[in-house]
Amino acid sequence: MANKRLLIIEDDYDVAEMLVMYFMSHQYEVYHADSGAMGVEMARAKFPQLILLDVMMPDIDGYETCSLIRHMALTKYIPIIFLTQRDERANKVKGLELGADDYVTKPFDIDELRLRVQGAIRRATRESLHEPRTGLPTGSLVEEEIARHQNSDKPFQLIYLDVSNFTVYSEVYGFVAANEVFGFAARTIQQTLADQGSPNDFIGVIDDHFVMITYVQKPGDLIRTIQTQFVEGVKPFYSFADIERGGLMLNTDTDEEHFYAFMTLSPLDAQV
């Protein structure tokens, strides 16, 4: 299964290096930004499952950084843990009011910090807020986002994307491999939205369907880019023999022999 994705927004090089090395050693996929502005961009581009955010930053402080992340549809549901030198109650309250999930004062015990990170990710999944394979919003969060956009006076596209032949792939390769494919599909959609979408775009998961909200004027171009990137990247998830034949062949040499092409991402429905 894919590693958990963690973004560290910290300008102190020594602290950042220590955190990166530590969490990588515990099987996290770790990204680092050394300024608030870079952290906001990286949160949108990499879609981590949790953000460790230092309060004292050289450009915009952690509070403003948190506010910017919370105001982007693509990143607003990512759990955030503040790291700070301060221990005043007022500062903690300010961080929590902005939507932080936890508050850790430096110097901290790094093992305790890891447990807090694990707990925040686990809570989001257990409460059915984040889909476990992707870290994307799910359930009521997706429904709330759809309702919020429908109440907006700006035209948008609501697009449902499905991984074709996903069930067959799962039956042949197993659920672990299938979960990795689903995670890859999520990253493909999220990365394309980050590169070509608008700041108000959103992606979530309902069952095995991706729910995408976009304000781009030509969503067809966006979908084609997603499909192209997915088709190019999904082949390594197959065996060499299946790559050679271009897909899965089941029940070979029987009356029920059937060929299943490589998985693709296909829109199910769309509405303005």
C-alpha atoms as a PDB file:
ATOM      1  CA  MET A   1       0.000   0.000   0.000  1.00  0.00           C
ATOM      2  CA  ALA A   2       1.212   3.532  -0.735  1.00  0.00           C
ATOM      3  CA  ASN A   3       2.961   5.424   2.044  1.00  0.00           C
ATOM      4  CA  LYS A   4       1.096   8.093   3.993  1.00  0.00           C
ATOM      5  CA  ARG A   5       1.802  11.556   2.566  1.00  0.00           C
ATOM      6  CA  LEU A   6       3.053  14.238   4.956  1.00  0.00           C
ATOM      7  CA  LEU A   7       3.847  17.892   4.224  1.00  0.00           C
ATOM      8  CA  ILE A   8       6.177  19.734   6.600  1.00  0.00           C
ATOM      9  CA  ILE A   9       6.085  23.543   6.379  1.00  0.00           C
ATOM     10  CA  GLU A  10       9.080  24.619   8.463  1.00  0.00           C
ATOM     11  CA  ASP A  11      11.760  27.279   7.794  1.00  0.00           C
ATOM     12  CA  ASP A  12      14.260  25.978  10.386  1.00  0.00           C
ATOM     13  CA  TYR A  13      16.503  23.725   8.282  1.00  0.00           C
ATOM     14  CA  ASP A  14      17.712  21.563  11.188  1.00  0.00           C
ATOM     15  CA  VAL A  15      14.200  20.911  12.490  1.00  0.00           C
ATOM     16  CA  ALA A  16      12.884  20.252   8.988  1.00  0.00           C
ATOM     17  CA  GLU A  17      15.705  17.826   8.135  1.00  0.00           C
ATOM     18  CA  MET A  18      15.182  15.928  11.373  1.00  0.00           C
ATOM     19  CA  LEU A  19      11.423  15.628  10.760  1.00  0.00           C
ATOM     20  CA  VAL A  20      11.852  14.593   7.124  1.00  0.00           C
ATOM     21  CA  MET A  21      14.378  11.864   7.928  1.00  0.00           C
ATOM     22  CA  TYR A  22      12.383  10.596  10.909  1.00  0.00           C
ATOM     23  CA  PHE A  23       9.046  10.291   9.136  1.00  0.00           C
ATOM     24  CA  MET A  24      10.649   8.814   6.009  1.00  0.00           C
ATOM     25  CA  SER A  25      12.149   6.123   8.232  1.00  0.00           C
ATOM     26  CA  HIS A  26       8.585   5.340   9.350  1.00  0.00           C
ATOM     27  CA  GLN A  27       7.358   4.817   5.777  1.00  0.00           C
ATOM     28  CA  TYR A  28       5.902   8.265   5.163  1.00  0.00           C
ATOM     29  CA  GLU A  29       6.126  10.008   1.814  1.00  0.00           C
ATOM     30  CA  VAL A  30       7.413  13.390   3.022  1.00  0.00           C
ATOM     31  CA  TYR A  31       7.407  16.797   1.323  1.00  0.00           C
ATOM     32  CA  HIS A  32       9.061  19.924   2.734  1.00  0.00           C
ATOM     33  CA  ALA A  33       8.372  23.625   2.176  1.00  0.00           C
ATOM     34  CA  ASP A  34      10.485  26.310   3.856  1.00  0.00           C
ATOM     35  CA  SER A  35       7.971  29.156   3.556  1.00  0.00           C
ATOM     36  CA  GLY A  36       4.246  29.644   3.968  1.00  0.00           C
ATOM     37  CA  ALA A  37       3.686  30.533   0.318  1.00  0.00           C
ATOM     38  CA  MET A  38       5.578  27.462  -0.869  1.00  0.00           C
ATOM     39  CA  GLY A  39       3.640  25.364   1.623  1.00  0.00           C
ATOM     40  CA  VAL A  40       0.293  26.532   0.235  1.00  0.00           C
ATOM     41  CA  GLU A  41       1.382  25.671  -3.309  1.00  0.00           C
ATOM     42  CA  MET A  42       2.768  22.301  -2.258  1.00  0.00           C
ATOM     43  CA  ALA A  43      -0.395  21.446  -0.328  1.00  0.00           C
ATOM     44  CA  ARG A  44      -2.370  21.989  -3.526  1.00  0.00           C
ATOM     45  CA  ALA A  45       0.114  20.159  -5.757  1.00  0.00           C
ATOM     46  CA  LYS A  46       0.910  17.125  -3.555  1.00  0.00           C
ATOM     47  CA  PHE A  47      -2.313  16.755  -1.520  1.00  0.00           C
ATOM     48  CA  PRO A  48      -0.742  15.366   1.679  1.00  0.00           C
ATOM     49  CA  GLN A  49      -2.822  13.461   4.196  1.00  0.00           C
ATOM     50  CA  LEU A  50      -1.573  15.739   6.979  1.00  0.00           C
ATOM     51  CA  ILE A  51       0.366  19.002   7.304  1.00  0.00           C
ATOM     52  CA  LEU A  52       2.865  19.883  10.056  1.00  0.00           C
ATOM     53  CA  LEU A  53       2.897  23.685  10.060  1.00  0.00           C
ATOM     54  CA  ASP A  54       5.339  25.946  11.912  1.00  0.00           C
ATOM     55  CA  VAL A  55       3.749  29.144  13.242  1.00  0.00           C
ATOM     56  CA  MET A  56       6.801  31.417  12.849  1.00  0.00           C
ATOM     57  CA  MET A  57       7.571  31.666   9.118  1.00  0.00           C
ATOM     58  CA  PRO A  58       9.717  34.171   7.168  1.00  0.00           C
ATOM     59  CA  ASP A  59       7.028  35.379   4.756  1.00  0.00           C
ATOM     60  CA  ILE A  60       3.469  34.683   5.898  1.00  0.00           C
ATOM     61  CA  ASP A  61       3.056  33.166   9.337  1.00  0.00           C
ATOM     62  CA  GLY A  62       1.503  29.798  10.074  1.00  0.00           C
ATOM     63  CA  TYR A  63      -1.875  31.289  10.910  1.00  0.00           C
ATOM     64  CA  GLU A  64      -2.211  32.955   7.500  1.00  0.00           C
ATOM     65  CA  THR A  65      -0.838  29.857   5.814  1.00  0.00           C
ATOM     66  CA  CYS A  66      -3.476  27.753   7.578  1.00  0.00           C
ATOM     67  CA  SER A  67      -6.193  30.200   6.562  1.00  0.00           C
ATOM     68  CA  LEU A  68      -5.131  30.068   2.888  1.00  0.00           C
ATOM     69  CA  ILE A  69      -5.094  26.252   2.926  1.00  0.00           C
ATOM     70  CA  ARG A  70      -8.518  26.160   4.579  1.00  0.00           C
ATOM     71  CA  HIS A  71      -9.992  28.497   1.935  1.00  0.00           C
ATOM     72  CA  MET A  72      -9.003  26.323  -1.061  1.00  0.00           C
ATOM     73  CA  ALA A  73     -11.544  23.645  -1.912  1.00  0.00           C
ATOM     74  CA  LEU A  74      -8.805  21.213  -2.909  1.00  0.00           C
ATOM     75  CA  THR A  75      -6.988  21.422   0.441  1.00  0.00           C
ATOM     76  CA  LYS A  76      -9.505  22.627   3.024  1.00  0.00           C
ATOM     77  CA  TYR A  77     -10.054  19.190   4.600  1.00  0.00           C
ATOM     78  CA  ILE A  78      -6.386  18.225   5.103  1.00  0.00           C
ATOM     79  CA  PRO A  79      -5.624  17.817   8.850  1.00  0.00           C
ATOM     80  CA  ILE A  80      -3.135  20.414  10.159  1.00  0.00           C
ATOM     81  CA  ILE A  81      -0.941  20.221  13.267  1.00  0.00           C
ATOM     82  CA  PHE A  82       0.733  23.467  14.360  1.00  0.00           C
ATOM     83  CA  LEU A  83       4.351  23.472  15.560  1.00  0.00           C
ATOM     84  CA  THR A  84       5.282  26.485  17.678  1.00  0.00           C
ATOM     85  CA  GLN A  85       7.672  27.879  20.267  1.00  0.00           C
ATOM     86  CA  ARG A  86       4.789  29.577  22.015  1.00  0.00           C
ATOM     87  CA  ASP A  87       2.625  28.018  24.684  1.00  0.00           C
ATOM     88  CA  GLU A  88       0.185  30.841  25.347  1.00  0.00           C
ATOM     89  CA  ARG A  89      -3.475  29.856  25.445  1.00  0.00           C
ATOM     90  CA  ALA A  90      -4.451  32.725  23.126  1.00  0.00           C
ATOM     91  CA  ASN A  91      -2.148  31.454  20.377  1.00  0.00           C
ATOM     92  CA  LYS A  92      -3.520  27.931  20.673  1.00  0.00           C
ATOM     93  CA  VAL A  93      -7.081  29.215  20.506  1.00  0.00           C
ATOM     94  CA  LYS A  94      -6.245  31.275  17.408  1.00  0.00           C
ATOM     95  CA  GLY A  95      -4.800  28.234  15.663  1.00  0.00           C
ATOM     96  CA  LEU A  96      -7.749  26.032  16.542  1.00  0.00           C
ATOM     97  CA  GLU A  97     -10.215  28.702  15.427  1.00  0.00           C
ATOM     98  CA  LEU A  98      -8.521  28.730  12.012  1.00  0.00           C
ATOM     99  CA  GLY A  99      -9.153  25.010  11.669  1.00  0.00           C
ATOM    100  CA  ALA A 100      -5.996  23.406  13.049  1.00  0.00           C
ATOM    101  CA  ASP A 101      -6.494  19.859  14.335  1.00  0.00           C
ATOM    102  CA  ASP A 102      -3.758  19.913  16.976  1.00  0.00           C
ATOM    103  CA  TYR A 103      -1.094  22.141  18.498  1.00  0.00           C
ATOM    104  CA  VAL A 104       2.413  20.938  19.512  1.00  0.00           C
ATOM    105  CA  THR A 105       4.875  23.132  21.406  1.00  0.00           C
ATOM    106  CA  LYS A 106       8.617  23.006  20.704  1.00  0.00           C
ATOM    107  CA  PRO A 107      10.725  21.311  21.887  1.00  0.00           C
ATOM    108  CA  PHE A 108       8.586  18.224  21.352  1.00  0.00           C
ATOM    109  CA  ASP A 109       9.075  14.497  21.765  1.00  0.00           C
ATOM    110  CA  ILE A 110       9.272  13.230  18.192  1.00  0.00           C
ATOM    111  CA  ASP A 111       7.749   9.839  18.986  1.00  0.00           C
ATOM    112  CA  GLU A 112       4.790  11.566  20.603  1.00  0.00           C
ATOM    113  CA  LEU A 113       4.489  13.803  17.528  1.00  0.00           C
ATOM    114  CA  ARG A 114       4.380  10.730  15.279  1.00  0.00           C
ATOM    115  CA  LEU A 115       1.580   9.275  17.374  1.00  0.00           C
ATOM    116  CA  ARG A 116      -0.350  12.536  17.088  1.00  0.00           C
ATOM    117  CA  VAL A 117       0.123  12.498  13.313  1.00  0.00           C
ATOM    118  CA  GLN A 118      -1.068   8.887  13.134  1.00  0.00           C
ATOM    119  CA  GLY A 119      -4.027   9.707  15.362  1.00  0.00           C
ATOM    120  CA  ALA A 120      -5.125  12.680  13.268  1.00  0.00           C
ATOM    121  CA  ILE A 121      -5.005  10.647  10.042  1.00  0.00           C
ATOM    122  CA  ARG A 122      -6.765   7.723  11.713  1.00  0.00           C
ATOM    123  CA  ARG A 123      -9.541   9.946  13.107  1.00  0.00           C
ATOM    124  CA  ALA A 124     -10.220  11.463   9.717  1.00  0.00           C
ATOM    125  CA  THR A 125     -10.532   7.985   8.203  1.00  0.00           C
ATOM    126  CA  ARG A 126     -12.511   6.461  11.083  1.00  0.00           C
ATOM    127  CA  GLU A 127     -15.014   9.315  11.060  1.00  0.00           C
ATOM    128  CA  SER A 128     -15.563   8.689   7.335  1.00  0.00           C
ATOM    129  CA  LEU A 129     -14.173  12.117   6.466  1.00  0.00           C
ATOM    130  CA  HIS A 130     -11.225  10.859   4.432  1.00  0.00           C
ATOM    131  CA  GLU A 131     -11.244   7.871   2.082  1.00  0.00           C
ATOM    132  CA  PRO A 132      -8.518   5.497   3.384  1.00  0.00           C
ATOM    133  CA  ARG A 133      -6.959   4.554   0.025  1.00  0.00           C
ATOM    134  CA  THR A 134      -6.482   8.131  -1.150  1.00  0.00           C
ATOM    135  CA  GLY A 135      -6.829  10.507   1.791  1.00  0.00           C
ATOM    136  CA  LEU A 136      -9.440  12.392  -0.228  1.00  0.00           C
ATOM    137  CA  PRO A 137     -12.643  13.764   1.336  1.00  0.00           C
ATOM    138  CA  THR A 138     -15.569  11.354   1.291  1.00  0.00           C
ATOM    139  CA  GLY A 139     -19.094  10.893   2.627  1.00  0.00           C
ATOM    140  CA  SER A 140     -20.691  13.968   4.160  1.00  0.00           C
ATOM    141  CA  LEU A 141     -17.742  16.206   3.234  1.00  0.00           C
ATOM    142  CA  VAL A 142     -18.346  15.554  -0.464  1.00  0.00           C
ATOM    143  CA  GLU A 143     -22.069  16.122  -0.080  1.00  0.00           C
ATOM    144  CA  GLU A 144     -21.406  19.411   1.729  1.00  0.00           C
ATOM    145  CA  GLU A 145     -19.046  20.559  -1.009  1.00  0.00           C
ATOM    146  CA  ILE A 146     -21.552  19.758  -3.746  1.00  0.00           C
ATOM    147  CA  ALA A 147     -24.265  21.686  -1.899  1.00  0.00           C
ATOM    148  CA  ARG A 148     -21.945  24.639  -1.311  1.00  0.00           C
ATOM    149  CA  HIS A 149     -21.023  24.899  -4.973  1.00  0.00           C
ATOM    150  CA  GLN A 150     -24.637  24.503  -6.059  1.00  0.00           C
ATOM    151  CA  ASN A 151     -25.483  27.532  -3.932  1.00  0.00           C
ATOM    152  CA  SER A 152     -22.841  29.555  -5.740  1.00  0.00           C
ATOM    153  CA  ASP A 153     -23.783  31.864  -8.617  1.00  0.00           C
ATOM    154  CA  LYS A 154     -20.739  30.786 -10.653  1.00  0.00           C
ATOM    155  CA  PRO A 155     -21.137  28.037 -13.292  1.00  0.00           C
ATOM    156  CA  PHE A 156     -19.259  24.820 -12.560  1.00  0.00           C
ATOM    157  CA  GLN A 157     -19.063  21.229 -13.738  1.00  0.00           C
ATOM    158  CA  LEU A 158     -19.856  18.278 -11.470  1.00  0.00           C
ATOM    159  CA  ILE A 159     -18.087  15.263 -12.964  1.00  0.00           C
ATOM    160  CA  TYR A 160     -18.064  11.658 -11.752  1.00  0.00           C
ATOM    161  CA  LEU A 161     -15.093   9.566 -12.847  1.00  0.00           C
ATOM    162  CA  ASP A 162     -14.947   5.775 -12.707  1.00  0.00           C
ATOM    163  CA  VAL A 163     -11.987   3.394 -13.106  1.00  0.00           C
ATOM    164  CA  SER A 164     -13.156   0.971 -15.781  1.00  0.00           C
ATOM    165  CA  ASN A 165     -12.318  -2.744 -15.359  1.00  0.00           C
ATOM    166  CA  PHE A 166     -11.270  -1.994 -11.770  1.00  0.00           C
ATOM    167  CA  THR A 167     -13.281  -4.886 -10.271  1.00  0.00           C
ATOM    168  CA  VAL A 168     -11.756  -7.413 -12.661  1.00  0.00           C
ATOM    169  CA  TYR A 169      -8.265  -6.104 -11.933  1.00  0.00           C
ATOM    170  CA  SER A 170      -8.916  -6.397  -8.189  1.00  0.00           C
ATOM    171  CA  GLU A 171     -10.099  -9.999  -8.553  1.00  0.00           C
ATOM    172  CA  VAL A 172      -6.958 -10.970 -10.487  1.00  0.00           C
ATOM    173  CA  TYR A 173      -4.269  -8.950  -8.704  1.00  0.00           C
ATOM    174  CA  GLY A 174      -5.787  -8.637  -5.229  1.00  0.00           C
ATOM    175  CA  PHE A 175      -7.058  -5.754  -3.153  1.00  0.00           C
ATOM    176  CA  VAL A 176      -3.605  -4.436  -2.177  1.00  0.00           C
ATOM    177  CA  ALA A 177      -2.599  -3.885  -5.806  1.00  0.00           C
ATOM    178  CA  ALA A 178      -6.077  -2.511  -6.571  1.00  0.00           C
ATOM    179  CA  ASN A 179      -5.792  -0.014  -3.711  1.00  0.00           C
ATOM    180  CA  GLU A 180      -2.491   1.204  -5.142  1.00  0.00           C
ATOM    181  CA  VAL A 181      -4.136   1.709  -8.539  1.00  0.00           C
ATOM    182  CA  PHE A 182      -6.984   3.642  -6.932  1.00  0.00           C
ATOM    183  CA  GLY A 183      -4.475   5.830  -5.110  1.00  0.00           C
ATOM    184  CA  PHE A 184      -2.641   6.447  -8.379  1.00  0.00           C
ATOM    185  CA  ALA A 185      -5.914   7.467 -10.038  1.00  0.00           C
ATOM    186  CA  ALA A 186      -6.577   9.943  -7.207  1.00  0.00           C
ATOM    187  CA  ARG A 187      -3.111  11.473  -7.531  1.00  0.00           C
ATOM    188  CA  THR A 188      -3.523  11.764 -11.297  1.00  0.00           C
ATOM    189  CA  ILE A 189      -6.783  13.685 -10.952  1.00  0.00           C
ATOM    190  CA  GLN A 190      -5.496  15.859  -8.125  1.00  0.00           C
ATOM    191  CA  GLN A 191      -2.262  16.721  -9.934  1.00  0.00           C
ATOM    192  CA  THR A 192      -4.137  17.658 -13.114  1.00  0.00           C
ATOM    193  CA  LEU A 193      -6.517  19.885 -11.148  1.00  0.00           C
ATOM    194  CA  ALA A 194      -3.535  21.512  -9.432  1.00  0.00           C
ATOM    195  CA  ASP A 195      -1.830  22.162 -12.787  1.00  0.00           C
ATOM    196  CA  GLN A 196      -4.792  23.081 -14.991  1.00  0.00           C
ATOM    197  CA  GLY A 197      -7.757  23.713 -12.689  1.00  0.00           C
ATOM    198  CA  SER A 198      -8.915  26.714 -10.693  1.00  0.00           C
ATOM    199  CA  PRO A 199      -8.362  27.494  -6.974  1.00  0.00           C
ATOM    200  CA  ASN A 200     -12.005  26.556  -6.283  1.00  0.00           C
ATOM    201  CA  ASP A 201     -11.831  23.063  -7.815  1.00  0.00           C
ATOM    202  CA  PHE A 202     -12.504  20.031  -5.620  1.00  0.00           C
ATOM    203  CA  ILE A 203     -11.980  16.275  -5.719  1.00  0.00           C
ATOM    204  CA  GLY A 204     -13.499  13.645  -3.423  1.00  0.00           C
ATOM    205  CA  VAL A 205     -14.546   9.980  -3.391  1.00  0.00           C
ATOM    206  CA  ILE A 206     -17.949   8.319  -3.086  1.00  0.00           C
ATOM    207  CA  ASP A 207     -17.743   4.522  -3.055  1.00  0.00           C
ATOM    208  CA  ASP A 208     -15.360   3.722  -5.941  1.00  0.00           C
ATOM    209  CA  HIS A 209     -16.211   6.881  -7.899  1.00  0.00           C
ATOM    210  CA  PHE A 210     -14.256  10.117  -7.973  1.00  0.00           C
ATOM    211  CA  VAL A 211     -16.340  13.276  -7.613  1.00  0.00           C
ATOM    212  CA  MET A 212     -14.749  16.279  -9.300  1.00  0.00           C
ATOM    213  CA  ILE A 213     -15.985  19.871  -9.191  1.00  0.00           C
ATOM    214  CA  THR A 214     -14.284  22.262 -11.584  1.00  0.00           C
ATOM    215  CA  TYR A 215     -14.747  25.825 -12.776  1.00  0.00           C
ATOM    216  CA  VAL A 216     -12.528  25.566 -15.867  1.00  0.00           C
ATOM    217  CA  GLN A 217     -14.159  26.740 -19.081  1.00  0.00           C
ATOM    218  CA  LYS A 218     -13.246  23.611 -21.047  1.00  0.00           C
ATOM    219  CA  PRO A 219     -13.648  20.614 -18.711  1.00  0.00           C
ATOM    220  CA  GLY A 220     -13.351  18.288 -21.697  1.00  0.00           C
ATOM    221  CA  ASP A 221      -9.680  19.226 -22.059  1.00  0.00           C
ATOM    222  CA  LEU A 222      -9.174  18.623 -18.345  1.00  0.00           C
ATOM    223  CA  ILE A 223     -10.774  15.165 -18.537  1.00  0.00           C
ATOM    224  CA  ARG A 224      -8.699  14.214 -21.589  1.00  0.00           C
ATOM    225  CA  THR A 225      -5.501  15.184 -19.767  1.00  0.00           C
ATOM    226  CA  ILE A 226      -6.530  13.081 -16.761  1.00  0.00           C
ATOM    227  CA  GLN A 227      -7.327  10.113 -18.987  1.00  0.00           C
ATOM    228  CA  THR A 228      -4.054  10.391 -20.912  1.00  0.00           C
ATOM    229  CA  GLN A 229      -1.961  10.628 -17.740  1.00  0.00           C
ATOM    230  CA  PHE A 230      -3.775   7.673 -16.175  1.00  0.00           C
ATOM    231  CA  VAL A 231      -3.468   5.430 -19.238  1.00  0.00           C
ATOM    232  CA  GLU A 232       0.251   6.172 -19.487  1.00  0.00           C
ATOM    233  CA  GLY A 233       0.859   5.512 -15.811  1.00  0.00           C
ATOM    234  CA  VAL A 234      -1.345   2.493 -15.109  1.00  0.00           C
ATOM    235  CA  LYS A 235       0.551  -0.050 -17.231  1.00  0.00           C
ATOM    236  CA  PRO A 236       3.313  -0.690 -14.638  1.00  0.00           C
ATOM    237  CA  PHE A 237       0.592  -2.003 -12.320  1.00  0.00           C
ATOM    238  CA  TYR A 238       0.186  -4.974 -14.695  1.00  0.00           C
ATOM    239  CA  SER A 239       2.453  -7.985 -15.220  1.00  0.00           C
ATOM    240  CA  PHE A 240       4.782  -8.068 -18.215  1.00  0.00           C
ATOM    241  CA  ALA A 241       2.590 -10.705 -19.898  1.00  0.00           C
ATOM    242  CA  ASP A 242      -0.537  -8.553 -19.507  1.00  0.00           C
ATOM    243  CA  ILE A 243       1.326  -5.503 -20.811  1.00  0.00           C
ATOM    244  CA  GLU A 244       2.393  -7.502 -23.857  1.00  0.00           C
ATOM    245  CA  ARG A 245      -1.188  -8.539 -24.677  1.00  0.00           C
ATOM    246  CA  GLY A 246      -2.630  -5.110 -23.807  1.00  0.00           C
ATOM    247  CA  GLY A 247      -4.843  -6.201 -20.915  1.00  0.00           C
ATOM    248  CA  LEU A 248      -6.250  -9.149 -18.978  1.00  0.00           C
ATOM    249  CA  MET A 249      -7.368 -12.409 -20.603  1.00  0.00           C
ATOM    250  CA  LEU A 250      -9.623 -14.499 -18.341  1.00  0.00           C
ATOM    251  CA  ASN A 251     -10.890 -18.069 -18.771  1.00  0.00           C
ATOM    252  CA  THR A 252      -8.383 -18.744 -21.535  1.00  0.00           C
ATOM    253  CA  ASP A 253      -9.226 -21.548 -23.981  1.00  0.00           C
ATOM    254  CA  THR A 254     -12.786 -21.900 -22.721  1.00  0.00           C
ATOM    255  CA  ASP A 255     -16.167 -20.785 -24.012  1.00  0.00           C
ATOM    256  CA  GLU A 256     -16.104 -18.019 -21.387  1.00  0.00           C
ATOM    257  CA  GLU A 257     -12.781 -16.549 -22.533  1.00  0.00           C
ATOM    258  CA  HIS A 258     -12.897 -12.760 -22.268  1.00  0.00           C
ATOM    259  CA  PHE A 259     -10.399  -9.949 -22.814  1.00  0.00           C
ATOM    260  CA  TYR A 260     -10.352  -6.881 -20.532  1.00  0.00           C
ATOM    261  CA  ALA A 261      -8.372  -3.892 -21.765  1.00  0.00           C
ATOM    262  CA  PHE A 262      -6.210  -1.763 -19.497  1.00  0.00           C
ATOM    263  CA  MET A 263      -8.073   0.255 -16.890  1.00  0.00           C
ATOM    264  CA  THR A 264      -9.123   3.776 -17.877  1.00  0.00           C
ATOM    265  CA  LEU A 265     -10.728   6.747 -16.127  1.00  0.00           C
ATOM    266  CA  SER A 266     -14.111   7.520 -17.649  1.00  0.00           C
ATOM    267  CA  PRO A 267     -16.743  10.176 -16.815  1.00  0.00           C
ATOM    268  CA  LEU A 268     -20.066   8.758 -15.619  1.00  0.00           C
ATOM    269  CA  ASP A 269     -22.109  11.936 -15.513  1.00  0.00           C
ATOM    270  CA  ALA A 270     -21.772  15.701 -15.568  1.00  0.00           C
ATOM    271  CA  GLN A 271     -23.972  18.662 -14.853  1.00  0.00           C
ATOM    272  CA  VAL A 272     -23.685  22.431 -14.606  1.00  0.00           C
END
